Protein backbone atom coordinates (compact mmCIF):
# COMPACT_ATOMS: atom_id res chain seq x y z
CA MET A 1 103.61 -147.98 81.01
CA THR A 2 102.12 -148.25 77.56
CA SER A 3 102.99 -151.91 76.97
CA SER A 4 104.14 -154.95 78.92
CA PRO A 5 107.91 -155.40 78.88
CA ARG A 6 109.11 -158.77 77.57
CA SER A 7 112.23 -158.75 79.75
CA GLN A 8 113.46 -157.26 83.02
CA TRP A 9 112.77 -153.59 83.53
CA LEU A 10 113.15 -150.96 86.25
CA CYS A 11 110.70 -148.27 87.26
CA ASN A 12 111.92 -144.67 87.10
CA LYS A 13 112.74 -144.52 90.82
CA CYS A 14 114.74 -147.78 90.78
CA ARG A 15 116.55 -146.68 87.62
CA GLU A 16 117.57 -143.47 89.45
CA ILE A 17 118.77 -145.46 92.49
CA LYS A 18 120.80 -147.79 90.26
CA SER A 19 122.35 -144.89 88.35
CA ASN A 20 123.52 -143.47 91.70
CA GLY A 21 125.22 -146.73 92.70
CA GLY A 22 122.38 -148.24 94.74
CA GLY A 23 120.56 -151.51 94.45
CA ALA A 24 120.82 -155.04 95.78
CA THR A 25 124.63 -154.88 95.98
CA ASN A 26 124.57 -151.62 97.94
CA PRO A 27 121.46 -151.58 100.19
CA LYS A 28 122.62 -148.44 102.03
CA ALA A 29 122.46 -146.43 98.79
CA LYS A 30 118.97 -147.82 98.14
CA ALA A 31 117.84 -146.54 101.54
CA GLN A 32 118.93 -143.09 100.40
CA GLY A 33 116.73 -143.25 97.33
CA PRO A 34 114.72 -140.26 96.18
CA ARG A 35 112.19 -138.71 98.52
CA CYS A 36 108.74 -137.54 97.45
CA VAL A 37 108.83 -133.73 97.23
CA LEU A 38 105.36 -133.61 98.82
CA CYS A 39 105.89 -135.92 101.81
CA PRO A 40 108.82 -137.32 103.85
CA VAL A 41 108.47 -140.91 102.60
CA ARG A 42 111.27 -142.43 100.48
CA HIS A 43 109.62 -145.74 99.62
CA GLY A 44 106.64 -146.55 97.45
CA ALA A 45 105.72 -146.06 93.83
CA MET A 46 106.86 -142.69 92.51
CA LYS A 47 106.66 -140.80 89.27
CA PRO A 48 109.28 -138.36 88.02
CA CYS A 49 108.58 -134.65 88.19
CA ASP A 50 108.95 -132.57 85.05
CA PRO A 51 112.54 -131.22 85.27
CA LYS A 52 111.39 -127.86 83.87
CA THR A 53 108.92 -127.27 86.71
CA ALA A 54 110.36 -129.36 89.56
CA VAL A 55 111.02 -127.86 92.94
CA THR A 56 112.71 -129.42 95.96
CA SER A 57 110.87 -130.12 99.20
CA ALA A 58 112.23 -126.71 100.32
CA GLY A 59 110.48 -125.00 97.41
CA GLU A 60 113.65 -124.13 95.49
CA PRO A 61 114.18 -124.94 91.80
CA SER A 62 115.65 -128.42 91.55
CA LYS A 63 119.03 -129.21 90.01
CA LYS A 64 118.35 -132.97 89.87
CA GLN A 65 115.52 -135.34 89.02
CA GLU A 66 112.82 -135.10 91.67
CA PHE A 67 110.09 -137.67 92.34
CA VAL A 68 106.58 -137.58 93.71
CA HIS A 69 104.10 -140.23 94.81
CA LEU A 70 101.28 -140.18 92.30
CA PHE A 71 98.87 -140.45 95.24
CA CYS A 72 100.38 -137.37 96.91
CA SER A 73 100.18 -135.37 93.70
CA GLN A 74 96.46 -136.03 93.34
CA TRP A 75 95.75 -134.21 96.62
CA ILE A 76 97.73 -131.03 95.91
CA PRO A 77 96.05 -128.53 93.57
CA GLU A 78 99.42 -127.07 92.45
CA THR A 79 100.51 -130.42 90.99
CA PHE A 80 99.07 -131.91 87.83
CA ILE A 81 99.67 -134.16 84.85
CA LYS A 82 99.18 -132.64 81.41
CA ALA A 83 96.36 -134.12 79.36
CA GLU A 84 98.79 -135.50 76.77
CA ASP A 85 100.69 -137.39 79.53
CA THR A 86 97.76 -139.23 81.11
CA THR A 87 98.54 -142.54 79.40
CA ARG A 88 101.85 -142.87 81.28
CA MET A 89 100.81 -140.58 84.18
CA GLU A 90 104.15 -138.80 84.01
CA PRO A 91 105.88 -136.44 84.33
CA VAL A 92 104.12 -134.72 87.20
CA GLN A 93 104.15 -130.94 86.99
CA VAL A 94 105.21 -129.57 90.39
CA SER A 95 105.50 -125.81 90.57
CA SER A 96 104.25 -122.83 92.52
CA LEU A 97 103.86 -124.77 95.75
CA VAL A 98 102.55 -122.45 98.42
CA GLU A 99 104.84 -121.72 101.36
CA TRP A 100 102.58 -123.27 104.01
CA LEU A 101 102.55 -126.55 102.10
CA LEU A 102 106.34 -126.78 102.07
CA SER A 103 106.51 -126.33 105.84
CA ALA A 104 103.64 -128.77 106.54
CA MET A 105 104.48 -132.42 106.97
CA CYS A 106 102.21 -135.23 105.91
CA PHE A 107 102.78 -138.40 107.91
CA PRO A 108 101.01 -141.45 106.49
CA TYR A 109 99.82 -143.95 109.09
């Protein structure tokens, strides 16, 4: 975020949930919010992936907006943020994930 909003605002993940019919009025839809493509967790602060380079958690090119935890992306060498995007820290470039990584599961404790 480059400046403080003067009114209500939604993060990218919550905006995606709301656009798909989720939110306070439909908690079940909120529970089905986007999942990090690098781990199985659906909650937490996420950043959008670049639609041109995004892959699903199965390693296939994505047909929808994918999300990633910024923390997760910092630990995977195949993910990065372009130098010109470091002010907002988005979008995260997610491409060329190695096969072993897609089959591995990270379980935060």
